[in-house]
C-alpha cells in the first residue's frame, strides 16, 4: 500500500510576500495624502519618482543576476523601499538625488547581498543616509507653510524646484526649517524652549501640520499591528523607550529638552516605529531580540536628536541597530525543548 506524506505546513492562510508588501504600501498612502495636503504636494512627486527609479533599477539588477524579472518585480518589495525612501526626503529634493539614493539602496544594499531576504541593512534607510552624507545642501530645503509666514509652494513650484532648480532667493521664499531642525538650532544658540515654543512652526503636540501626518501613520501602523502583519511589540518598545528617556530629561530641565510628545509625534518616529523598525529581514528575529532592537532605535534616535549634529537620527539609529542583529539573535535565541544550558 502506497502512502503519500505531505510536508508541513498543511494549512496556508493565503498570505504571501507580495500580498504583505502590497498591503503595507497601501497603508502608507493615507499618510502620504495628508502630507501632500498639509505640507507639500512635492511628496507625491518624490514618491512617484522613487517608485519609477526603484522598479527600473530592480529590473536591471534582476536581469544582470539572471533572475526572472516579472516574478520578482511583482513582490512589491522595490515599491515599498521606494515609498519609505521618498518619505525621508524633502519634497524639494532634486530628482537626481532621489535617483542616486534609490540606485544605491536597490543595487548595493539589496542585490549586492543576495536580494530580498538577504540584505543586512534596511535599504531605504541606507539610501537616505547615503545621499544625506553626499548631498546635504540639496536635501536641506523644506517647505514653509503659509501659516508660518512663508509662501506656499504649489505643485507647479515643486515641479520647478525638483526638475529645473531655482535661484536661492526664490527658494528661500518657499522654504523653512523643520520643527526638529528649528528646535535643535535654537537650543544650540542658547535659547530656552519656553522662549520659542509658541512660534507658528509648532502645533499642539509637535510641528504644526506634521503632527497630523504622524497621526495618519499611527493609525495605519495600528492597523498593521491589528492585522498581525507586524509584531506590535516592536513599535511599543521603540515608542516607550523614546517616551521614557525624553520624559526623564524633560522633567530634569524642560527648557533644554523637548517634551516626550514632541519627540513621538514627529513623523519619523511613528513612521520608523511601524513601517521601518518592523522590516523583517534586517531586524532581529527572536522575541527578546526584537524588543532590544526596537528599544535601541528609540534610544539612539533620541540621543542623536538631542546631542548629535543631525536634527533627526532615525535612519542612523536603524542602521546602527542593524549591525547588532547577529549578536542579538545569537544571545537571545530561545532554548528548544530538551535543550540545557550545557548544550
C-alpha atoms as a PDB file:
ATOM      1  CA  UNK A   1       0.000   0.000   0.000  1.00  0.00           C
ATOM      2  CA  UNK A   2       1.448   3.336  -1.032  1.00  0.00           C
ATOM      3  CA  UNK A   3       1.077   6.343   1.198  1.00  0.00           C
ATOM      4  CA  UNK A   4       1.764   9.960   0.324  1.00  0.00           C
ATOM      5  CA  UNK A   5       3.105  12.095   3.132  1.00  0.00           C
ATOM      6  CA  UNK A   6       2.905  15.839   2.647  1.00  0.00           C
ATOM      7  CA  UNK A   7       5.364  18.111   4.358  1.00  0.00           C
ATOM      8  CA  UNK A   8       4.251  20.905   6.644  1.00  0.00           C
ATOM      9  CA  UNK A   9       2.704  23.407   6.636  1.00  0.00           C
ATOM     10  CA  UNK A  10      -0.516  21.570   5.945  1.00  0.00           C
ATOM     11  CA  UNK A  11      -2.665  24.696   6.044  1.00  0.00           C
ATOM     12  CA  UNK A  12      -1.960  28.051   4.414  1.00  0.00           C
ATOM     13  CA  UNK A  13      -3.644  31.335   5.272  1.00  0.00           C
ATOM     14  CA  UNK A  14      -3.172  32.715   1.765  1.00  0.00           C
ATOM     15  CA  UNK A  15      -0.574  35.304   2.742  1.00  0.00           C
ATOM     16  CA  UNK A  16       2.478  35.891   0.580  1.00  0.00           C
ATOM     17  CA  UNK A  17       5.344  38.317   0.307  1.00  0.00           C
ATOM     18  CA  UNK A  18       3.538  40.172  -2.473  1.00  0.00           C
ATOM     19  CA  UNK A  19       0.282  40.436  -0.511  1.00  0.00           C
ATOM     20  CA  UNK A  20       2.028  41.709   2.609  1.00  0.00           C
ATOM     21  CA  UNK A  21       4.208  44.206   0.751  1.00  0.00           C
ATOM     22  CA  UNK A  22       1.226  45.485  -1.219  1.00  0.00           C
ATOM     23  CA  UNK A  23      -0.856  45.991   1.916  1.00  0.00           C
ATOM     24  CA  UNK A  24       1.950  47.894   3.636  1.00  0.00           C
ATOM     25  CA  UNK A  25       2.320  50.110   0.554  1.00  0.00           C
ATOM     26  CA  UNK A  26      -1.414  50.812   0.532  1.00  0.00           C
ATOM     27  CA  UNK A  27      -1.363  51.732   4.220  1.00  0.00           C
ATOM     28  CA  UNK A  28       1.328  54.336   3.529  1.00  0.00           C
ATOM     29  CA  UNK A  29      -0.974  56.167   1.136  1.00  0.00           C
ATOM     30  CA  UNK A  30      -3.185  57.906   3.774  1.00  0.00           C
ATOM     31  CA  UNK A  31      -0.116  59.414   5.419  1.00  0.00           C
ATOM     32  CA  UNK A  32       1.261  60.480   2.040  1.00  0.00           C
ATOM     33  CA  UNK A  33      -2.012  62.183   1.132  1.00  0.00           C
ATOM     34  CA  UNK A  34      -2.176  64.034   4.470  1.00  0.00           C
ATOM     35  CA  UNK A  35       1.470  65.033   3.930  1.00  0.00           C
ATOM     36  CA  UNK A  36       0.674  66.358   0.448  1.00  0.00           C
ATOM     37  CA  UNK A  37      -2.376  68.254   1.697  1.00  0.00           C
ATOM     38  CA  UNK A  38      -0.870  69.902   4.789  1.00  0.00           C
ATOM     39  CA  UNK A  39       2.845  70.159   3.978  1.00  0.00           C
ATOM     40  CA  UNK A  40       3.611  69.938   0.266  1.00  0.00           C
ATOM     41  CA  UNK A  41       2.376  68.123  -2.863  1.00  0.00           C
ATOM     42  CA  UNK A  42       6.034  67.609  -3.694  1.00  0.00           C
ATOM     43  CA  UNK A  43       5.987  64.422  -1.603  1.00  0.00           C
ATOM     44  CA  UNK A  44       3.791  62.749  -4.240  1.00  0.00           C
ATOM     45  CA  UNK A  45       6.307  63.663  -6.942  1.00  0.00           C
ATOM     46  CA  UNK A  46       9.141  62.252  -4.849  1.00  0.00           C
ATOM     47  CA  UNK A  47       7.188  59.017  -4.264  1.00  0.00           C
ATOM     48  CA  UNK A  48       6.379  58.584  -7.962  1.00  0.00           C
ATOM     49  CA  UNK A  49       9.988  59.252  -8.970  1.00  0.00           C
ATOM     50  CA  UNK A  50      11.345  56.875  -6.346  1.00  0.00           C
ATOM     51  CA  UNK A  51       8.981  54.089  -7.434  1.00  0.00           C
ATOM     52  CA  UNK A  52       9.938  54.597 -11.086  1.00  0.00           C
ATOM     53  CA  UNK A  53      13.665  54.584 -10.317  1.00  0.00           C
ATOM     54  CA  UNK A  54      13.317  51.584  -7.988  1.00  0.00           C
ATOM     55  CA  UNK A  55      11.418  49.445 -10.490  1.00  0.00           C
ATOM     56  CA  UNK A  56      13.908  50.208 -13.261  1.00  0.00           C
ATOM     57  CA  UNK A  57      16.909  49.524 -11.003  1.00  0.00           C
ATOM     58  CA  UNK A  58      15.319  46.323  -9.699  1.00  0.00           C
ATOM     59  CA  UNK A  59      14.669  45.107 -13.258  1.00  0.00           C
ATOM     60  CA  UNK A  60      18.244  45.852 -14.312  1.00  0.00           C
ATOM     61  CA  UNK A  61      19.733  44.072 -11.299  1.00  0.00           C
ATOM     62  CA  UNK A  62      17.489  41.039 -11.751  1.00  0.00           C
ATOM     63  CA  UNK A  63      18.489  40.820 -15.401  1.00  0.00           C
ATOM     64  CA  UNK A  64      22.185  41.063 -14.528  1.00  0.00           C
ATOM     65  CA  UNK A  65      21.770  38.273 -11.966  1.00  0.00           C
ATOM     66  CA  UNK A  66      19.869  36.077 -14.390  1.00  0.00           C
ATOM     67  CA  UNK A  67      16.675  36.024 -12.298  1.00  0.00           C
ATOM     68  CA  UNK A  68      13.075  36.189 -13.582  1.00  0.00           C
ATOM     69  CA  UNK A  69      12.261  39.879 -13.741  1.00  0.00           C
ATOM     70  CA  UNK A  70       8.470  39.697 -13.792  1.00  0.00           C
ATOM     71  CA  UNK A  71       8.208  37.355 -10.812  1.00  0.00           C
ATOM     72  CA  UNK A  72      10.428  39.412  -8.520  1.00  0.00           C
ATOM     73  CA  UNK A  73       9.065  42.782  -9.617  1.00  0.00           C
ATOM     74  CA  UNK A  74       5.576  41.650  -8.665  1.00  0.00           C
ATOM     75  CA  UNK A  75       6.511  41.172  -4.993  1.00  0.00           C
ATOM     76  CA  UNK A  76       6.274  44.963  -4.364  1.00  0.00           C
ATOM     77  CA  UNK A  77       9.441  44.997  -2.250  1.00  0.00           C
ATOM     78  CA  UNK A  78      11.085  47.580  -4.509  1.00  0.00           C
ATOM     79  CA  UNK A  79       7.952  49.745  -4.388  1.00  0.00           C
ATOM     80  CA  UNK A  80       7.871  49.649  -0.583  1.00  0.00           C
ATOM     81  CA  UNK A  81      11.559  50.560  -0.376  1.00  0.00           C
ATOM     82  CA  UNK A  82      10.932  53.443  -2.762  1.00  0.00           C
ATOM     83  CA  UNK A  83       7.998  54.847  -0.782  1.00  0.00           C
ATOM     84  CA  UNK A  84       9.836  54.671   2.546  1.00  0.00           C
ATOM     85  CA  UNK A  85      12.909  56.289   0.998  1.00  0.00           C
ATOM     86  CA  UNK A  86      10.861  59.064  -0.619  1.00  0.00           C
ATOM     87  CA  UNK A  87       9.162  59.864   2.698  1.00  0.00           C
ATOM     88  CA  UNK A  88      12.565  60.619   4.238  1.00  0.00           C
ATOM     89  CA  UNK A  89      13.359  63.204   1.575  1.00  0.00           C
ATOM     90  CA  UNK A  90      12.370  66.826   1.476  1.00  0.00           C
ATOM     91  CA  UNK A  91       9.587  67.430  -1.067  1.00  0.00           C
ATOM     92  CA  UNK A  92      12.031  69.833  -2.756  1.00  0.00           C
ATOM     93  CA  UNK A  93      14.837  67.298  -3.205  1.00  0.00           C
ATOM     94  CA  UNK A  94      16.263  67.394  -6.773  1.00  0.00           C
ATOM     95  CA  UNK A  95      15.325  64.388  -8.887  1.00  0.00           C
ATOM     96  CA  UNK A  96      18.914  63.245  -9.347  1.00  0.00           C
ATOM     97  CA  UNK A  97      19.441  62.915  -5.584  1.00  0.00           C
ATOM     98  CA  UNK A  98      16.341  60.728  -5.465  1.00  0.00           C
ATOM     99  CA  UNK A  99      17.816  58.634  -8.274  1.00  0.00           C
ATOM    100  CA  UNK A 100      21.208  58.274  -6.573  1.00  0.00           C
ATOM    101  CA  UNK A 101      19.655  57.144  -3.306  1.00  0.00           C
ATOM    102  CA  UNK A 102      17.384  54.571  -4.939  1.00  0.00           C
ATOM    103  CA  UNK A 103      20.146  53.108  -7.109  1.00  0.00           C
ATOM    104  CA  UNK A 104      22.361  52.750  -4.045  1.00  0.00           C
ATOM    105  CA  UNK A 105      19.576  51.194  -1.968  1.00  0.00           C
ATOM    106  CA  UNK A 106      18.416  48.672  -4.566  1.00  0.00           C
ATOM    107  CA  UNK A 107      21.659  47.739  -6.285  1.00  0.00           C
ATOM    108  CA  UNK A 108      24.212  47.772  -3.469  1.00  0.00           C
ATOM    109  CA  UNK A 109      22.287  47.429  -0.222  1.00  0.00           C
ATOM    110  CA  UNK A 110      19.753  44.900  -1.502  1.00  0.00           C
ATOM    111  CA  UNK A 111      21.082  42.952  -4.506  1.00  0.00           C
ATOM    112  CA  UNK A 112      24.783  43.012  -3.652  1.00  0.00           C
ATOM    113  CA  UNK A 113      23.913  40.929  -0.580  1.00  0.00           C
ATOM    114  CA  UNK A 114      21.729  38.468  -2.472  1.00  0.00           C
ATOM    115  CA  UNK A 115      18.429  40.277  -2.962  1.00  0.00           C
ATOM    116  CA  UNK A 116      15.233  40.177  -0.952  1.00  0.00           C
ATOM    117  CA  UNK A 117      15.673  38.301   2.311  1.00  0.00           C
ATOM    118  CA  UNK A 118      19.466  38.665   2.414  1.00  0.00           C
ATOM    119  CA  UNK A 119      20.109  42.377   2.933  1.00  0.00           C
ATOM    120  CA  UNK A 120      21.945  43.202   6.148  1.00  0.00           C
ATOM    121  CA  UNK A 121      20.724  46.799   6.294  1.00  0.00           C
ATOM    122  CA  UNK A 122      17.385  48.454   5.710  1.00  0.00           C
ATOM    123  CA  UNK A 123      17.680  49.577   2.063  1.00  0.00           C
ATOM    124  CA  UNK A 124      15.523  52.700   2.393  1.00  0.00           C
ATOM    125  CA  UNK A 125      17.438  53.994   5.415  1.00  0.00           C
ATOM    126  CA  UNK A 126      20.800  53.162   3.865  1.00  0.00           C
ATOM    127  CA  UNK A 127      19.837  55.021   0.699  1.00  0.00           C
ATOM    128  CA  UNK A 128      18.741  58.056   2.708  1.00  0.00           C
ATOM    129  CA  UNK A 129      21.946  58.189   4.761  1.00  0.00           C
ATOM    130  CA  UNK A 130      23.985  57.786   1.561  1.00  0.00           C
ATOM    131  CA  UNK A 131      22.509  60.871  -0.109  1.00  0.00           C
ATOM    132  CA  UNK A 132      22.339  62.815   3.161  1.00  0.00           C
ATOM    133  CA  UNK A 133      26.090  62.476   3.628  1.00  0.00           C
ATOM    134  CA  UNK A 134      26.943  63.105  -0.036  1.00  0.00           C
ATOM    135  CA  UNK A 135      24.470  65.898  -0.831  1.00  0.00           C
ATOM    136  CA  UNK A 136      23.489  67.654   2.433  1.00  0.00           C
ATOM    137  CA  UNK A 137      22.892  71.029   0.799  1.00  0.00           C
ATOM    138  CA  UNK A 138      20.480  69.618  -1.764  1.00  0.00           C
ATOM    139  CA  UNK A 139      18.373  67.986   0.963  1.00  0.00           C
ATOM    140  CA  UNK A 140      18.269  70.888   3.390  1.00  0.00           C
ATOM    141  CA  UNK A 141      15.289  72.789   1.978  1.00  0.00           C
ATOM    142  CA  UNK A 142      11.872  72.007   3.467  1.00  0.00           C
ATOM    143  CA  UNK A 143       8.546  73.636   2.572  1.00  0.00           C
ATOM    144  CA  UNK A 144       7.314  76.557   4.619  1.00  0.00           C
ATOM    145  CA  UNK A 145       3.634  76.518   5.498  1.00  0.00           C
ATOM    146  CA  UNK A 146       1.732  79.684   4.620  1.00  0.00           C
ATOM    147  CA  UNK A 147       0.581  79.843   8.244  1.00  0.00           C
ATOM    148  CA  UNK A 148       4.234  80.247   9.225  1.00  0.00           C
ATOM    149  CA  UNK A 149       4.679  83.365   7.136  1.00  0.00           C
ATOM    150  CA  UNK A 150       6.184  81.571   4.157  1.00  0.00           C
ATOM    151  CA  UNK A 151       4.968  81.368   0.582  1.00  0.00           C
ATOM    152  CA  UNK A 152       3.018  78.201  -0.131  1.00  0.00           C
ATOM    153  CA  UNK A 153       4.742  76.054  -2.741  1.00  0.00           C
ATOM    154  CA  UNK A 154       2.113  74.563  -5.023  1.00  0.00           C
ATOM    155  CA  UNK A 155       2.526  71.668  -7.408  1.00  0.00           C
ATOM    156  CA  UNK A 156       3.973  73.867 -10.150  1.00  0.00           C
ATOM    157  CA  UNK A 157       6.608  75.333  -7.833  1.00  0.00           C
ATOM    158  CA  UNK A 158       7.527  71.854  -6.571  1.00  0.00           C
ATOM    159  CA  UNK A 159       7.942  70.563 -10.124  1.00  0.00           C
ATOM    160  CA  UNK A 160      10.162  73.505 -10.989  1.00  0.00           C
ATOM    161  CA  UNK A 161      12.352  73.043  -7.917  1.00  0.00           C
ATOM    162  CA  UNK A 162      12.682  69.271  -8.362  1.00  0.00           C
ATOM    163  CA  UNK A 163      13.378  69.169 -12.095  1.00  0.00           C
ATOM    164  CA  UNK A 164      14.951  72.517 -13.004  1.00  0.00           C
ATOM    165  CA  UNK A 165      16.121  74.103  -9.773  1.00  0.00           C
ATOM    166  CA  UNK A 166      15.533  77.699  -8.752  1.00  0.00           C
ATOM    167  CA  UNK A 167      17.744  80.509  -7.559  1.00  0.00           C
ATOM    168  CA  UNK A 168      18.381  80.754  -3.837  1.00  0.00           C
ATOM    169  CA  UNK A 169      16.320  83.906  -3.399  1.00  0.00           C
ATOM    170  CA  UNK A 170      13.268  82.208  -4.858  1.00  0.00           C
ATOM    171  CA  UNK A 171      13.946  79.049  -2.849  1.00  0.00           C
ATOM    172  CA  UNK A 172      14.264  80.981   0.409  1.00  0.00           C
ATOM    173  CA  UNK A 173      10.768  82.351  -0.134  1.00  0.00           C
ATOM    174  CA  UNK A 174       9.120  78.919   0.000  1.00  0.00           C
ATOM    175  CA  UNK A 175      11.353  77.038   2.451  1.00  0.00           C
ATOM    176  CA  UNK A 176      11.733  76.832   6.215  1.00  0.00           C
ATOM    177  CA  UNK A 177      13.297  74.631   8.863  1.00  0.00           C
ATOM    178  CA  UNK A 178      11.521  71.534  10.113  1.00  0.00           C
ATOM    179  CA  UNK A 179      10.374  71.605  13.758  1.00  0.00           C
ATOM    180  CA  UNK A 180      13.236  69.282  14.756  1.00  0.00           C
ATOM    181  CA  UNK A 181      15.812  71.389  12.927  1.00  0.00           C
ATOM    182  CA  UNK A 182      14.331  74.606  14.302  1.00  0.00           C
ATOM    183  CA  UNK A 183      14.403  73.266  17.863  1.00  0.00           C
ATOM    184  CA  UNK A 184      17.961  71.977  17.618  1.00  0.00           C
ATOM    185  CA  UNK A 185      19.219  75.254  16.120  1.00  0.00           C
ATOM    186  CA  UNK A 186      17.555  77.403  18.776  1.00  0.00           C
ATOM    187  CA  UNK A 187      18.765  75.252  21.667  1.00  0.00           C
ATOM    188  CA  UNK A 188      22.296  75.294  20.221  1.00  0.00           C
ATOM    189  CA  UNK A 189      22.012  79.096  20.121  1.00  0.00           C
ATOM    190  CA  UNK A 190      21.397  79.130  23.903  1.00  0.00           C
ATOM    191  CA  UNK A 191      17.672  79.795  23.616  1.00  0.00           C
ATOM    192  CA  UNK A 192      15.314  78.163  26.080  1.00  0.00           C
ATOM    193  CA  UNK A 193      12.422  76.122  24.707  1.00  0.00           C
ATOM    194  CA  UNK A 194       9.935  78.331  26.564  1.00  0.00           C
ATOM    195  CA  UNK A 195      11.217  81.301  24.530  1.00  0.00           C
ATOM    196  CA  UNK A 196      10.245  79.843  21.160  1.00  0.00           C
ATOM    197  CA  UNK A 197       7.688  77.100  21.845  1.00  0.00           C
ATOM    198  CA  UNK A 198       4.786  79.423  20.949  1.00  0.00           C
ATOM    199  CA  UNK A 199       6.075  80.166  17.451  1.00  0.00           C
ATOM    200  CA  UNK A 200       3.865  79.178  14.472  1.00  0.00           C
ATOM    201  CA  UNK A 201       6.158  76.315  13.479  1.00  0.00           C
ATOM    202  CA  UNK A 202       4.850  74.322  16.452  1.00  0.00           C
ATOM    203  CA  UNK A 203       1.423  72.788  16.857  1.00  0.00           C
ATOM    204  CA  UNK A 204      -0.328  71.248  19.847  1.00  0.00           C
ATOM    205  CA  UNK A 205       1.926  68.188  20.096  1.00  0.00           C
ATOM    206  CA  UNK A 206       4.812  68.676  17.677  1.00  0.00           C
ATOM    207  CA  UNK A 207       5.268  70.604  14.452  1.00  0.00           C
ATOM    208  CA  UNK A 208       2.179  72.308  13.047  1.00  0.00           C
ATOM    209  CA  UNK A 209       0.855  70.110  10.246  1.00  0.00           C
ATOM    210  CA  UNK A 210       3.483  67.450  10.822  1.00  0.00           C
ATOM    211  CA  UNK A 211       1.657  66.040  13.845  1.00  0.00           C
ATOM    212  CA  UNK A 212      -1.341  65.218  11.645  1.00  0.00           C
ATOM    213  CA  UNK A 213       0.884  63.370   9.215  1.00  0.00           C
ATOM    214  CA  UNK A 214       2.332  61.434  12.147  1.00  0.00           C
ATOM    215  CA  UNK A 215      -1.190  60.627  13.358  1.00  0.00           C
ATOM    216  CA  UNK A 216      -2.064  59.219   9.922  1.00  0.00           C
ATOM    217  CA  UNK A 217       0.940  56.885  10.072  1.00  0.00           C
ATOM    218  CA  UNK A 218      -0.004  55.926  13.639  1.00  0.00           C
ATOM    219  CA  UNK A 219      -3.474  54.842  12.522  1.00  0.00           C
ATOM    220  CA  UNK A 220      -2.135  52.914   9.536  1.00  0.00           C
ATOM    221  CA  UNK A 221       0.548  51.321  11.685  1.00  0.00           C
ATOM    222  CA  UNK A 222      -2.039  50.324  14.256  1.00  0.00           C
ATOM    223  CA  UNK A 223      -3.963  48.536  11.524  1.00  0.00           C
ATOM    224  CA  UNK A 224      -0.794  46.668  10.532  1.00  0.00           C
ATOM    225  CA  UNK A 225      -0.414  45.508  14.123  1.00  0.00           C
ATOM    226  CA  UNK A 226      -4.106  44.567  14.331  1.00  0.00           C
ATOM    227  CA  UNK A 227      -3.767  42.506  11.161  1.00  0.00           C
ATOM    228  CA  UNK A 228      -0.655  40.866  12.664  1.00  0.00           C
ATOM    229  CA  UNK A 229       1.419  41.867   9.675  1.00  0.00           C
ATOM    230  CA  UNK A 230       3.931  43.375  12.105  1.00  0.00           C
ATOM    231  CA  UNK A 231       4.794  42.479  15.696  1.00  0.00           C
ATOM    232  CA  UNK A 232       3.066  45.067  17.881  1.00  0.00           C
ATOM    233  CA  UNK A 233       5.830  44.706  20.467  1.00  0.00           C
ATOM    234  CA  UNK A 234       8.306  46.460  18.137  1.00  0.00           C
ATOM    235  CA  UNK A 235       6.575  49.862  17.843  1.00  0.00           C
ATOM    236  CA  UNK A 236       5.543  49.688  21.500  1.00  0.00           C
ATOM    237  CA  UNK A 237       9.141  49.098  22.590  1.00  0.00           C
ATOM    238  CA  UNK A 238      10.500  51.863  20.357  1.00  0.00           C
ATOM    239  CA  UNK A 239       7.905  54.466  21.329  1.00  0.00           C
ATOM    240  CA  UNK A 240       8.019  53.536  25.031  1.00  0.00           C
ATOM    241  CA  UNK A 241      11.801  53.827  25.156  1.00  0.00           C
ATOM    242  CA  UNK A 242      11.754  57.232  23.479  1.00  0.00           C
ATOM    243  CA  UNK A 243       8.928  58.393  25.745  1.00  0.00           C
ATOM    244  CA  UNK A 244      10.667  57.295  28.948  1.00  0.00           C
ATOM    245  CA  UNK A 245      14.113  58.710  28.153  1.00  0.00           C
ATOM    246  CA  UNK A 246      12.691  62.015  26.896  1.00  0.00           C
ATOM    247  CA  UNK A 247      10.361  62.245  29.895  1.00  0.00           C
ATOM    248  CA  UNK A 248      13.267  61.839  32.338  1.00  0.00           C
ATOM    249  CA  UNK A 249      15.289  64.631  30.735  1.00  0.00           C
ATOM    250  CA  UNK A 250      12.232  66.814  30.181  1.00  0.00           C
ATOM    251  CA  UNK A 251      11.425  66.518  33.885  1.00  0.00           C
ATOM    252  CA  UNK A 252      15.043  67.419  34.676  1.00  0.00           C
ATOM    253  CA  UNK A 253      15.060  70.596  32.517  1.00  0.00           C
ATOM    254  CA  UNK A 254      12.069  71.372  30.227  1.00  0.00           C
ATOM    255  CA  UNK A 255      13.801  74.464  28.866  1.00  0.00           C
ATOM    256  CA  UNK A 256      16.614  72.425  27.335  1.00  0.00           C
ATOM    257  CA  UNK A 257      14.989  69.092  26.467  1.00  0.00           C
ATOM    258  CA  UNK A 258      11.877  68.783  24.319  1.00  0.00           C
ATOM    259  CA  UNK A 259       8.780  67.057  25.639  1.00  0.00           C
ATOM    260  CA  UNK A 260       8.094  63.338  25.066  1.00  0.00           C
ATOM    261  CA  UNK A 261       5.042  64.120  22.904  1.00  0.00           C
ATOM    262  CA  UNK A 262       7.144  66.373  20.686  1.00  0.00           C
ATOM    263  CA  UNK A 263       9.581  63.528  20.026  1.00  0.00           C
ATOM    264  CA  UNK A 264       6.879  60.928  19.455  1.00  0.00           C
ATOM    265  CA  UNK A 265       4.620  62.995  17.201  1.00  0.00           C
ATOM    266  CA  UNK A 266       7.322  63.892  14.738  1.00  0.00           C
ATOM    267  CA  UNK A 267       6.713  61.988  11.520  1.00  0.00           C
ATOM    268  CA  UNK A 268       9.930  59.984  11.580  1.00  0.00           C
ATOM    269  CA  UNK A 269       9.221  58.434  14.993  1.00  0.00           C
ATOM    270  CA  UNK A 270       5.870  56.869  14.120  1.00  0.00           C
ATOM    271  CA  UNK A 271       6.858  56.079  10.543  1.00  0.00           C
ATOM    272  CA  UNK A 272      10.006  54.414  11.845  1.00  0.00           C
ATOM    273  CA  UNK A 273       8.232  52.563  14.648  1.00  0.00           C
ATOM    274  CA  UNK A 274       5.530  50.976  12.491  1.00  0.00           C
ATOM    275  CA  UNK A 275       6.987  50.774   8.988  1.00  0.00           C
ATOM    276  CA  UNK A 276      10.795  50.702   9.285  1.00  0.00           C
ATOM    277  CA  UNK A 277      11.846  49.029  12.536  1.00  0.00           C
ATOM    278  CA  UNK A 278       9.372  46.233  11.754  1.00  0.00           C
ATOM    279  CA  UNK A 279      11.119  45.322   8.484  1.00  0.00           C
ATOM    280  CA  UNK A 280      11.605  41.544   8.946  1.00  0.00           C
ATOM    281  CA  UNK A 281      14.832  40.984   7.012  1.00  0.00           C
ATOM    282  CA  UNK A 282      17.270  43.407   8.640  1.00  0.00           C
ATOM    283  CA  UNK A 283      15.777  43.352  12.146  1.00  0.00           C
ATOM    284  CA  UNK A 284      16.160  40.843  14.963  1.00  0.00           C
ATOM    285  CA  UNK A 285      14.188  37.604  14.674  1.00  0.00           C
ATOM    286  CA  UNK A 286      13.858  36.430  18.279  1.00  0.00           C
ATOM    287  CA  UNK A 287      11.128  37.845  20.569  1.00  0.00           C
ATOM    288  CA  UNK A 288      13.566  39.346  23.075  1.00  0.00           C
ATOM    289  CA  UNK A 289      15.894  40.428  20.288  1.00  0.00           C
ATOM    290  CA  UNK A 290      13.120  42.402  18.603  1.00  0.00           C
ATOM    291  CA  UNK A 291      12.399  44.255  21.834  1.00  0.00           C
ATOM    292  CA  UNK A 292      16.064  45.167  22.335  1.00  0.00           C
ATOM    293  CA  UNK A 293      16.380  46.110  18.666  1.00  0.00           C
ATOM    294  CA  UNK A 294      13.394  48.464  18.819  1.00  0.00           C
ATOM    295  CA  UNK A 295      14.378  49.947  22.173  1.00  0.00           C
ATOM    296  CA  UNK A 296      17.872  50.611  20.839  1.00  0.00           C
ATOM    297  CA  UNK A 297      16.436  52.507  17.873  1.00  0.00           C
ATOM    298  CA  UNK A 298      14.284  54.642  20.157  1.00  0.00           C
ATOM    299  CA  UNK A 299      17.186  55.438  22.482  1.00  0.00           C
ATOM    300  CA  UNK A 300      19.703  56.189  19.702  1.00  0.00           C
ATOM    301  CA  UNK A 301      17.217  58.352  17.811  1.00  0.00           C
ATOM    302  CA  UNK A 302      16.646  60.490  20.887  1.00  0.00           C
ATOM    303  CA  UNK A 303      20.378  60.739  21.604  1.00  0.00           C
ATOM    304  CA  UNK A 304      21.187  61.868  18.052  1.00  0.00           C
ATOM    305  CA  UNK A 305      18.346  64.397  18.077  1.00  0.00           C
ATOM    306  CA  UNK A 306      19.445  65.790  21.418  1.00  0.00           C
ATOM    307  CA  UNK A 307      23.232  65.842  21.174  1.00  0.00           C
ATOM    308  CA  UNK A 308      24.081  64.905  17.601  1.00  0.00           C
ATOM    309  CA  UNK A 309      24.851  67.036  14.571  1.00  0.00           C
ATOM    310  CA  UNK A 310      21.722  65.948  12.687  1.00  0.00           C
ATOM    311  CA  UNK A 311      18.198  67.129  13.598  1.00  0.00           C
ATOM    312  CA  UNK A 312      16.819  63.607  13.310  1.00  0.00           C
ATOM    313  CA  UNK A 313      18.533  60.297  13.931  1.00  0.00           C
ATOM    314  CA  UNK A 314      16.014  57.620  12.955  1.00  0.00           C
ATOM    315  CA  UNK A 315      17.883  56.413   9.868  1.00  0.00           C
ATOM    316  CA  UNK A 316      21.241  56.330  11.657  1.00  0.00           C
ATOM    317  CA  UNK A 317      19.710  54.531  14.639  1.00  0.00           C
ATOM    318  CA  UNK A 318      18.145  51.869  12.395  1.00  0.00           C
ATOM    319  CA  UNK A 319      21.424  51.201  10.589  1.00  0.00           C
ATOM    320  CA  UNK A 320      23.387  51.010  13.839  1.00  0.00           C
ATOM    321  CA  UNK A 321      20.933  48.522  15.285  1.00  0.00           C
ATOM    322  CA  UNK A 322      21.002  46.554  12.016  1.00  0.00           C
ATOM    323  CA  UNK A 323      24.683  45.932  12.795  1.00  0.00           C
ATOM    324  CA  UNK A 324      23.735  44.450  16.149  1.00  0.00           C
ATOM    325  CA  UNK A 325      21.200  41.953  14.780  1.00  0.00           C
ATOM    326  CA  UNK A 326      23.553  38.928  14.539  1.00  0.00           C
ATOM    327  CA  UNK A 327      24.643  39.483  18.139  1.00  0.00           C
ATOM    328  CA  UNK A 328      21.073  39.934  19.347  1.00  0.00           C
ATOM    329  CA  UNK A 329      19.856  36.812  17.571  1.00  0.00           C
ATOM    330  CA  UNK A 330      22.752  34.781  18.965  1.00  0.00           C
ATOM    331  CA  UNK A 331      22.342  35.754  22.615  1.00  0.00           C
ATOM    332  CA  UNK A 332      18.549  35.916  22.731  1.00  0.00           C
ATOM    333  CA  UNK A 333      17.791  32.647  20.948  1.00  0.00           C
ATOM    334  CA  UNK A 334      15.147  30.727  22.917  1.00  0.00           C
ATOM    335  CA  UNK A 335      16.171  27.264  24.060  1.00  0.00           C
ATOM    336  CA  UNK A 336      14.336  24.449  22.312  1.00  0.00           C
ATOM    337  CA  UNK A 337      12.509  21.768  24.244  1.00  0.00           C
ATOM    338  CA  UNK A 338      15.006  19.442  25.895  1.00  0.00           C
ATOM    339  CA  UNK A 339      17.988  21.780  25.467  1.00  0.00           C
ATOM    340  CA  UNK A 340      20.050  22.577  28.576  1.00  0.00           C
ATOM    341  CA  UNK A 341      22.458  25.387  29.304  1.00  0.00           C
ATOM    342  CA  UNK A 342      25.302  22.906  28.911  1.00  0.00           C
ATOM    343  CA  UNK A 343      24.239  22.210  25.343  1.00  0.00           C
END
